[in-house]
C-alpha atoms as a PDB file:
ATOM      1  CA  UNK A   1      14.859 -34.278  13.897  1.00  0.00           C
ATOM      2  CA  UNK A   2      13.363 -37.754  13.884  1.00  0.00           C
ATOM      3  CA  UNK A   3       9.657 -38.840  13.682  1.00  0.00           C
ATOM      4  CA  UNK A   4       8.625 -39.843  17.109  1.00  0.00           C
ATOM      5  CA  UNK A   5       8.039 -43.502  18.048  1.00  0.00           C
ATOM      6  CA  UNK A   6       4.493 -44.997  17.550  1.00  0.00           C
ATOM      7  CA  UNK A   7       3.000 -46.316  21.026  1.00  0.00           C
ATOM      8  CA  UNK A   8       2.540 -49.650  21.810  1.00  0.00           C
ATOM      9  CA  UNK A   9      -0.842 -50.667  22.840  1.00  0.00           C
ATOM     10  CA  UNK A  10      -0.694 -54.682  23.569  1.00  0.00           C
ATOM     11  CA  UNK A  11      -4.296 -57.189  23.909  1.00  0.00           C
ATOM     12  CA  UNK A  12      -4.278 -59.487  25.608  1.00  0.00           C
ATOM     13  CA  UNK A  13      -6.455 -63.119  25.265  1.00  0.00           C
ATOM     14  CA  UNK A  14      -9.276 -64.484  26.200  1.00  0.00           C
ATOM     15  CA  UNK A  15      -9.002 -65.979  30.212  1.00  0.00           C
ATOM     16  CA  UNK A  16      -5.466 -63.537  30.761  1.00  0.00           C
ATOM     17  CA  UNK A  17      -4.492 -59.864  31.321  1.00  0.00           C
ATOM     18  CA  UNK A  18      -1.959 -57.805  30.393  1.00  0.00           C
ATOM     19  CA  UNK A  19       0.229 -59.263  33.139  1.00  0.00           C
ATOM     20  CA  UNK A  20       1.159 -61.857  30.240  1.00  0.00           C
ATOM     21  CA  UNK A  21       3.239 -58.918  28.760  1.00  0.00           C
ATOM     22  CA  UNK A  22       5.340 -57.696  31.774  1.00  0.00           C
ATOM     23  CA  UNK A  23       8.505 -59.661  29.914  1.00  0.00           C
ATOM     24  CA  UNK A  24       8.642 -58.068  27.016  1.00  0.00           C
ATOM     25  CA  UNK A  25       7.435 -54.241  27.871  1.00  0.00           C
ATOM     26  CA  UNK A  26      10.798 -54.057  28.901  1.00  0.00           C
ATOM     27  CA  UNK A  27      12.300 -55.091  25.851  1.00  0.00           C
ATOM     28  CA  UNK A  28      10.066 -51.959  23.968  1.00  0.00           C
ATOM     29  CA  UNK A  29      11.277 -49.580  27.160  1.00  0.00           C
ATOM     30  CA  UNK A  30      14.936 -49.834  26.522  1.00  0.00           C
ATOM     31  CA  UNK A  31      14.782 -49.094  23.038  1.00  0.00           C
ATOM     32  CA  UNK A  32      12.547 -46.367  23.637  1.00  0.00           C
ATOM     33  CA  UNK A  33       9.190 -47.307  22.789  1.00  0.00           C
ATOM     34  CA  UNK A  34       5.672 -46.082  24.774  1.00  0.00           C
ATOM     35  CA  UNK A  35       3.472 -49.071  25.753  1.00  0.00           C
ATOM     36  CA  UNK A  36       0.036 -49.076  27.144  1.00  0.00           C
ATOM     37  CA  UNK A  37      -2.102 -51.927  28.292  1.00  0.00           C
ATOM     38  CA  UNK A  38      -5.541 -52.663  26.913  1.00  0.00           C
ATOM     39  CA  UNK A  39      -6.988 -54.705  29.360  1.00  0.00           C
ATOM     40  CA  UNK A  40     -10.651 -57.195  28.348  1.00  0.00           C
ATOM     41  CA  UNK A  41     -13.284 -56.508  30.999  1.00  0.00           C
ATOM     42  CA  UNK A  42     -14.485 -59.995  29.793  1.00  0.00           C
ATOM     43  CA  UNK A  43     -11.193 -61.693  31.324  1.00  0.00           C
ATOM     44  CA  UNK A  44     -12.021 -63.422  34.059  1.00  0.00           C
ATOM     45  CA  UNK A  45     -15.104 -60.862  34.979  1.00  0.00           C
ATOM     46  CA  UNK A  46     -16.952 -64.017  37.187  1.00  0.00           C
ATOM     47  CA  UNK A  47     -19.474 -61.849  39.559  1.00  0.00           C
ATOM     48  CA  UNK A  48     -17.809 -58.518  38.288  1.00  0.00           C
ATOM     49  CA  UNK A  49     -20.429 -57.815  36.197  1.00  0.00           C
ATOM     50  CA  UNK A  50     -24.512 -58.131  36.004  1.00  0.00           C
ATOM     51  CA  UNK A  51     -24.693 -59.672  32.535  1.00  0.00           C
ATOM     52  CA  UNK A  52     -21.262 -61.523  31.005  1.00  0.00           C
ATOM     53  CA  UNK A  53     -19.436 -58.743  29.161  1.00  0.00           C
ATOM     54  CA  UNK A  54     -19.245 -59.318  25.191  1.00  0.00           C
ATOM     55  CA  UNK A  55     -16.711 -59.007  22.025  1.00  0.00           C
ATOM     56  CA  UNK A  56     -18.763 -55.839  21.356  1.00  0.00           C
ATOM     57  CA  UNK A  57     -17.490 -54.317  24.944  1.00  0.00           C
ATOM     58  CA  UNK A  58     -13.856 -55.875  24.883  1.00  0.00           C
ATOM     59  CA  UNK A  59     -14.386 -54.122  21.287  1.00  0.00           C
ATOM     60  CA  UNK A  60     -15.006 -50.658  22.834  1.00  0.00           C
ATOM     61  CA  UNK A  61     -12.363 -50.956  25.659  1.00  0.00           C
ATOM     62  CA  UNK A  62      -9.451 -51.356  23.815  1.00  0.00           C
ATOM     63  CA  UNK A  63     -11.356 -48.870  20.876  1.00  0.00           C
ATOM     64  CA  UNK A  64     -10.939 -46.213  24.448  1.00  0.00           C
ATOM     65  CA  UNK A  65      -7.596 -46.820  24.690  1.00  0.00           C
ATOM     66  CA  UNK A  66      -6.490 -46.796  21.399  1.00  0.00           C
ATOM     67  CA  UNK A  67      -8.651 -43.271  21.129  1.00  0.00           C
ATOM     68  CA  UNK A  68      -7.236 -42.185  24.052  1.00  0.00           C
ATOM     69  CA  UNK A  69      -3.202 -42.254  22.619  1.00  0.00           C
ATOM     70  CA  UNK A  70      -4.028 -41.192  19.120  1.00  0.00           C
ATOM     71  CA  UNK A  71      -6.488 -37.985  20.340  1.00  0.00           C
ATOM     72  CA  UNK A  72      -2.526 -36.495  21.444  1.00  0.00           C
ATOM     73  CA  UNK A  73      -1.905 -37.250  17.493  1.00  0.00           C
ATOM     74  CA  UNK A  74       0.711 -40.244  18.559  1.00  0.00           C
ATOM     75  CA  UNK A  75       0.474 -43.282  16.005  1.00  0.00           C
ATOM     76  CA  UNK A  76      -0.548 -46.798  17.440  1.00  0.00           C
ATOM     77  CA  UNK A  77       0.913 -50.187  16.441  1.00  0.00           C
ATOM     78  CA  UNK A  78      -1.903 -52.995  17.692  1.00  0.00           C
ATOM     79  CA  UNK A  79      -0.372 -56.130  19.323  1.00  0.00           C
ATOM     80  CA  UNK A  80      -3.146 -58.642  19.605  1.00  0.00           C
ATOM     81  CA  UNK A  81      -2.593 -62.412  20.840  1.00  0.00           C
ATOM     82  CA  UNK A  82      -5.999 -65.671  20.405  1.00  0.00           C
ATOM     83  CA  UNK A  83      -8.915 -64.001  20.847  1.00  0.00           C
ATOM     84  CA  UNK A  84      -8.193 -60.467  21.675  1.00  0.00           C
ATOM     85  CA  UNK A  85      -7.677 -60.432  17.491  1.00  0.00           C
ATOM     86  CA  UNK A  86     -11.656 -60.644  17.605  1.00  0.00           C
ATOM     87  CA  UNK A  87     -12.228 -57.551  19.519  1.00  0.00           C
ATOM     88  CA  UNK A  88      -8.595 -55.329  18.358  1.00  0.00           C
ATOM     89  CA  UNK A  89      -9.507 -55.568  15.145  1.00  0.00           C
ATOM     90  CA  UNK A  90     -13.056 -54.147  15.306  1.00  0.00           C
ATOM     91  CA  UNK A  91     -11.450 -51.910  18.170  1.00  0.00           C
ATOM     92  CA  UNK A  92      -9.699 -50.152  15.375  1.00  0.00           C
ATOM     93  CA  UNK A  93     -12.794 -48.987  12.748  1.00  0.00           C
ATOM     94  CA  UNK A  94     -12.189 -44.582  12.277  1.00  0.00           C
ATOM     95  CA  UNK A  95      -8.835 -44.622  13.950  1.00  0.00           C
ATOM     96  CA  UNK A  96      -6.544 -45.540  11.163  1.00  0.00           C
ATOM     97  CA  UNK A  97      -4.081 -43.474  10.037  1.00  0.00           C
ATOM     98  CA  UNK A  98      -5.811 -42.533   6.520  1.00  0.00           C
ATOM     99  CA  UNK A  99      -8.577 -42.670   8.285  1.00  0.00           C
ATOM    100  CA  UNK A 100      -7.878 -39.835  10.256  1.00  0.00           C
ATOM    101  CA  UNK A 101      -5.983 -37.501   7.715  1.00  0.00           C
ATOM    102  CA  UNK A 102      -9.007 -37.312   5.641  1.00  0.00           C
ATOM    103  CA  UNK A 103     -10.136 -35.760   8.936  1.00  0.00           C
ATOM    104  CA  UNK A 104      -7.622 -33.290   9.064  1.00  0.00           C
ATOM    105  CA  UNK A 105      -5.747 -35.662  11.829  1.00  0.00           C
ATOM    106  CA  UNK A 106      -2.530 -36.591  13.109  1.00  0.00           C
ATOM    107  CA  UNK A 107      -1.720 -39.559  14.352  1.00  0.00           C
ATOM    108  CA  UNK A 108      -4.127 -42.868  14.425  1.00  0.00           C
ATOM    109  CA  UNK A 109      -2.698 -46.542  14.005  1.00  0.00           C
ATOM    110  CA  UNK A 110      -0.506 -47.631  11.981  1.00  0.00           C
ATOM    111  CA  UNK A 111       0.504 -51.588  12.255  1.00  0.00           C
ATOM    112  CA  UNK A 112      -1.931 -54.386  12.701  1.00  0.00           C
ATOM    113  CA  UNK A 113       0.367 -57.185  14.513  1.00  0.00           C
ATOM    114  CA  UNK A 114      -1.105 -60.601  15.036  1.00  0.00           C
ATOM    115  CA  UNK A 115       0.364 -63.187  17.945  1.00  0.00           C
ATOM    116  CA  UNK A 116      -0.421 -66.197  17.805  1.00  0.00           C
ATOM    117  CA  UNK A 117      -4.451 -64.818  16.612  1.00  0.00           C
ATOM    118  CA  UNK A 118      -7.151 -64.601  15.417  1.00  0.00           C
ATOM    119  CA  UNK A 119      -7.441 -61.833  11.944  1.00  0.00           C
ATOM    120  CA  UNK A 120     -11.168 -62.935  11.738  1.00  0.00           C
ATOM    121  CA  UNK A 121     -12.997 -62.636   8.645  1.00  0.00           C
ATOM    122  CA  UNK A 122     -16.231 -60.283   8.516  1.00  0.00           C
ATOM    123  CA  UNK A 123     -19.516 -62.194  10.143  1.00  0.00           C
ATOM    124  CA  UNK A 124     -17.420 -64.796  11.308  1.00  0.00           C
ATOM    125  CA  UNK A 125     -17.666 -66.356  15.142  1.00  0.00           C
ATOM    126  CA  UNK A 126     -14.424 -68.122  16.737  1.00  0.00           C
ATOM    127  CA  UNK A 127     -16.812 -71.334  16.623  1.00  0.00           C
ATOM    128  CA  UNK A 128     -17.826 -70.706  13.007  1.00  0.00           C
ATOM    129  CA  UNK A 129     -14.188 -70.824  12.163  1.00  0.00           C
ATOM    130  CA  UNK A 130     -12.817 -73.762  14.730  1.00  0.00           C
ATOM    131  CA  UNK A 131     -15.812 -75.703  15.749  1.00  0.00           C
ATOM    132  CA  UNK A 132     -16.801 -75.961  19.399  1.00  0.00           C
ATOM    133  CA  UNK A 133     -13.596 -77.303  21.251  1.00  0.00           C
ATOM    134  CA  UNK A 134     -15.005 -80.484  23.491  1.00  0.00           C
ATOM    135  CA  UNK A 135     -14.471 -78.513  26.966  1.00  0.00           C
ATOM    136  CA  UNK A 136     -16.906 -75.986  25.403  1.00  0.00           C
ATOM    137  CA  UNK A 137     -19.758 -77.685  24.607  1.00  0.00           C
ATOM    138  CA  UNK A 138     -21.549 -77.692  27.662  1.00  0.00           C
ATOM    139  CA  UNK A 139     -19.771 -74.284  28.762  1.00  0.00           C
ATOM    140  CA  UNK A 140     -23.452 -71.967  30.785  1.00  0.00           C
ATOM    141  CA  UNK A 141     -22.526 -67.905  30.984  1.00  0.00           C
ATOM    142  CA  UNK A 142     -18.605 -68.602  31.644  1.00  0.00           C
ATOM    143  CA  UNK A 143     -16.445 -71.168  30.084  1.00  0.00           C
ATOM    144  CA  UNK A 144     -13.584 -72.354  32.193  1.00  0.00           C
ATOM    145  CA  UNK A 145     -10.190 -73.493  31.860  1.00  0.00           C
ATOM    146  CA  UNK A 146      -9.671 -77.019  31.748  1.00  0.00           C
ATOM    147  CA  UNK A 147      -7.309 -78.956  34.153  1.00  0.00           C
ATOM    148  CA  UNK A 148      -5.137 -82.150  33.988  1.00  0.00           C
ATOM    149  CA  UNK A 149      -2.630 -81.212  30.910  1.00  0.00           C
ATOM    150  CA  UNK A 150      -3.927 -78.405  29.233  1.00  0.00           C
ATOM    151  CA  UNK A 151      -0.758 -76.594  29.940  1.00  0.00           C
ATOM    152  CA  UNK A 152       1.153 -78.780  28.178  1.00  0.00           C
ATOM    153  CA  UNK A 153      -1.139 -77.352  24.285  1.00  0.00           C
ATOM    154  CA  UNK A 154      -0.509 -73.519  25.750  1.00  0.00           C
ATOM    155  CA  UNK A 155       3.081 -74.122  27.148  1.00  0.00           C
ATOM    156  CA  UNK A 156       4.616 -76.793  25.183  1.00  0.00           C
ATOM    157  CA  UNK A 157       8.041 -74.776  25.594  1.00  0.00           C
ATOM    158  CA  UNK A 158       8.405 -73.997  28.990  1.00  0.00           C
ATOM    159  CA  UNK A 159       9.212 -75.931  32.438  1.00  0.00           C
ATOM    160  CA  UNK A 160       6.564 -78.142  33.791  1.00  0.00           C
ATOM    161  CA  UNK A 161       5.970 -76.061  37.368  1.00  0.00           C
ATOM    162  CA  UNK A 162       5.642 -72.472  35.584  1.00  0.00           C
ATOM    163  CA  UNK A 163       3.172 -74.177  32.335  1.00  0.00           C
ATOM    164  CA  UNK A 164       0.814 -75.333  34.771  1.00  0.00           C
ATOM    165  CA  UNK A 165       1.099 -71.944  37.254  1.00  0.00           C
ATOM    166  CA  UNK A 166       0.307 -69.939  34.228  1.00  0.00           C
ATOM    167  CA  UNK A 167      -2.689 -72.113  33.246  1.00  0.00           C
ATOM    168  CA  UNK A 168      -4.091 -71.960  36.606  1.00  0.00           C
ATOM    169  CA  UNK A 169      -3.934 -68.229  36.573  1.00  0.00           C
ATOM    170  CA  UNK A 170      -6.213 -68.446  33.478  1.00  0.00           C
ATOM    171  CA  UNK A 171      -9.984 -68.646  35.375  1.00  0.00           C
ATOM    172  CA  UNK A 172     -12.609 -67.760  33.523  1.00  0.00           C
ATOM    173  CA  UNK A 173     -14.433 -65.977  30.372  1.00  0.00           C
ATOM    174  CA  UNK A 174     -17.956 -65.241  29.068  1.00  0.00           C
ATOM    175  CA  UNK A 175     -18.884 -67.702  26.866  1.00  0.00           C
ATOM    176  CA  UNK A 176     -20.998 -65.161  24.768  1.00  0.00           C
ATOM    177  CA  UNK A 177     -17.841 -63.821  23.384  1.00  0.00           C
ATOM    178  CA  UNK A 178     -17.231 -66.926  21.325  1.00  0.00           C
ATOM    179  CA  UNK A 179     -20.152 -65.844  19.311  1.00  0.00           C
ATOM    180  CA  UNK A 180     -18.809 -62.598  18.609  1.00  0.00           C
ATOM    181  CA  UNK A 181     -18.348 -61.137  14.956  1.00  0.00           C
ATOM    182  CA  UNK A 182     -16.375 -58.465  13.351  1.00  0.00           C
ATOM    183  CA  UNK A 183     -17.716 -55.720  10.855  1.00  0.00           C
ATOM    184  CA  UNK A 184     -14.459 -53.897  10.183  1.00  0.00           C
ATOM    185  CA  UNK A 185     -12.008 -55.985   8.620  1.00  0.00           C
ATOM    186  CA  UNK A 186      -9.090 -53.846   9.214  1.00  0.00           C
ATOM    187  CA  UNK A 187      -6.161 -55.802   8.168  1.00  0.00           C
ATOM    188  CA  UNK A 188      -7.556 -54.819   4.803  1.00  0.00           C
ATOM    189  CA  UNK A 189      -6.527 -51.477   4.562  1.00  0.00           C
ATOM    190  CA  UNK A 190      -3.660 -50.977   7.747  1.00  0.00           C
ATOM    191  CA  UNK A 191      -0.425 -52.640   7.802  1.00  0.00           C
ATOM    192  CA  UNK A 192      -0.168 -56.257   9.172  1.00  0.00           C
ATOM    193  CA  UNK A 193       1.946 -58.436  10.352  1.00  0.00           C
ATOM    194  CA  UNK A 194       0.951 -62.173  11.582  1.00  0.00           C
ATOM    195  CA  UNK A 195       3.739 -63.696  14.615  1.00  0.00           C
ATOM    196  CA  UNK A 196       3.235 -67.495  13.819  1.00  0.00           C
ATOM    197  CA  UNK A 197       4.441 -70.335  16.259  1.00  0.00           C
ATOM    198  CA  UNK A 198       5.566 -73.055  15.044  1.00  0.00           C
ATOM    199  CA  UNK A 199       3.569 -74.836  18.150  1.00  0.00           C
ATOM    200  CA  UNK A 200       0.536 -73.479  18.560  1.00  0.00           C
ATOM    201  CA  UNK A 201      -1.970 -75.955  19.711  1.00  0.00           C
ATOM    202  CA  UNK A 202      -4.795 -73.947  20.374  1.00  0.00           C
ATOM    203  CA  UNK A 203      -5.003 -71.703  18.048  1.00  0.00           C
ATOM    204  CA  UNK A 204      -3.583 -74.128  15.285  1.00  0.00           C
ATOM    205  CA  UNK A 205      -0.279 -73.527  13.607  1.00  0.00           C
ATOM    206  CA  UNK A 206      -2.048 -74.439  10.309  1.00  0.00           C
ATOM    207  CA  UNK A 207      -4.951 -72.337  10.873  1.00  0.00           C
ATOM    208  CA  UNK A 208      -3.354 -69.024  11.269  1.00  0.00           C
ATOM    209  CA  UNK A 209      -1.084 -69.563   8.140  1.00  0.00           C
ATOM    210  CA  UNK A 210      -4.490 -70.006   6.483  1.00  0.00           C
ATOM    211  CA  UNK A 211      -5.869 -67.433   7.453  1.00  0.00           C
ATOM    212  CA  UNK A 212      -2.844 -65.088   5.685  1.00  0.00           C
ATOM    213  CA  UNK A 213      -3.797 -67.282   2.730  1.00  0.00           C
ATOM    214  CA  UNK A 214      -7.152 -66.223   2.780  1.00  0.00           C
ATOM    215  CA  UNK A 215      -6.395 -63.245   2.766  1.00  0.00           C
ATOM    216  CA  UNK A 216      -3.458 -62.869   0.563  1.00  0.00           C
ATOM    217  CA  UNK A 217      -6.193 -64.297  -2.406  1.00  0.00           C
ATOM    218  CA  UNK A 218      -7.436 -61.545  -2.413  1.00  0.00           C
ATOM    219  CA  UNK A 219      -4.416 -59.202  -2.591  1.00  0.00           C
ATOM    220  CA  UNK A 220      -3.422 -58.310   0.627  1.00  0.00           C
ATOM    221  CA  UNK A 221      -0.474 -58.060   1.909  1.00  0.00           C
ATOM    222  CA  UNK A 222       0.797 -59.780   5.068  1.00  0.00           C
ATOM    223  CA  UNK A 223       3.976 -60.104   6.846  1.00  0.00           C
ATOM    224  CA  UNK A 224       4.463 -63.036   8.345  1.00  0.00           C
ATOM    225  CA  UNK A 225       7.250 -64.093  10.597  1.00  0.00           C
ATOM    226  CA  UNK A 226       7.526 -68.123  12.493  1.00  0.00           C
ATOM    227  CA  UNK A 227       8.350 -68.351  15.722  1.00  0.00           C
ATOM    228  CA  UNK A 228      10.373 -71.781  15.571  1.00  0.00           C
ATOM    229  CA  UNK A 229      10.021 -73.839  19.168  1.00  0.00           C
ATOM    230  CA  UNK A 230       7.645 -71.365  20.603  1.00  0.00           C
ATOM    231  CA  UNK A 231       3.909 -72.471  21.721  1.00  0.00           C
ATOM    232  CA  UNK A 232       0.532 -70.539  22.228  1.00  0.00           C
ATOM    233  CA  UNK A 233       1.943 -67.259  24.153  1.00  0.00           C
ATOM    234  CA  UNK A 234       5.359 -66.407  22.948  1.00  0.00           C
ATOM    235  CA  UNK A 235       5.328 -63.035  25.211  1.00  0.00           C
ATOM    236  CA  UNK A 236       6.245 -65.687  27.942  1.00  0.00           C
ATOM    237  CA  UNK A 237       8.121 -68.602  26.506  1.00  0.00           C
ATOM    238  CA  UNK A 238      10.292 -66.137  23.916  1.00  0.00           C
ATOM    239  CA  UNK A 239       9.876 -62.833  24.931  1.00  0.00           C
ATOM    240  CA  UNK A 240      13.030 -61.473  24.076  1.00  0.00           C
ATOM    241  CA  UNK A 241      12.503 -62.852  20.100  1.00  0.00           C
ATOM    242  CA  UNK A 242       8.627 -61.326  20.401  1.00  0.00           C
ATOM    243  CA  UNK A 243      10.176 -58.234  21.317  1.00  0.00           C
ATOM    244  CA  UNK A 244      12.806 -57.617  18.659  1.00  0.00           C
ATOM    245  CA  UNK A 245       9.648 -58.832  15.925  1.00  0.00           C
ATOM    246  CA  UNK A 246       7.737 -56.304  17.202  1.00  0.00           C
ATOM    247  CA  UNK A 247      10.561 -53.608  17.694  1.00  0.00           C
ATOM    248  CA  UNK A 248      11.038 -54.644  14.181  1.00  0.00           C
ATOM    249  CA  UNK A 249       7.506 -54.041  12.658  1.00  0.00           C
ATOM    250  CA  UNK A 250       7.031 -50.581  14.843  1.00  0.00           C
ATOM    251  CA  UNK A 251      10.935 -49.291  12.788  1.00  0.00           C
ATOM    252  CA  UNK A 252       8.779 -49.995   9.673  1.00  0.00           C
ATOM    253  CA  UNK A 253       5.343 -49.042  10.139  1.00  0.00           C
END
């Protein structure tokens, strides 16, 4: 009897909702995989909370989703996009397969997949790693997606009208999240894959490659896939190619 397939837990990026994965999940379902979304309480949250949500709030929400899967003895492939790499990484603390095996439990996170995402070192925020982008410099409690031609940087591979529509759906995000730092570098102990788009102008392609080099210099093994012709959001730009890589990762985890 074949071993049960792991469950994909899908984490979106800042400003975004799980709807971005809707073009990927049919491929996962067709291949026989279960999947579950892990919405970020911070995304598009202005007016929903008295106090703006933080990266730690996002990590707690993701951890709850992962726990709901592993508590049933199932294994998890955690997929993180963009900013989602921060809270997603932090959320895995104590939930890796090796961690749970030590407690005599089954299941756990068996793979981390960073899709055009931050793979942050301990104690470093987005501002520390990338500097402060111009459109964030005067942000108050919430940051708003810039207008104009910003859509060209987010979705360089998409038709103009679709790129504009997707950009318009990104409303606001708590500015406190940009200062969040992780304490659990899970990629050092859980098998990790980085999917790096060729045309990423949000988290520059070279920054993503630099993250891999940083960890490889310390002896950490990272599997790297480069997506030719893809921008910052391959789940909407090249969903079939992304799904293929996710399934391939799950098969070897």
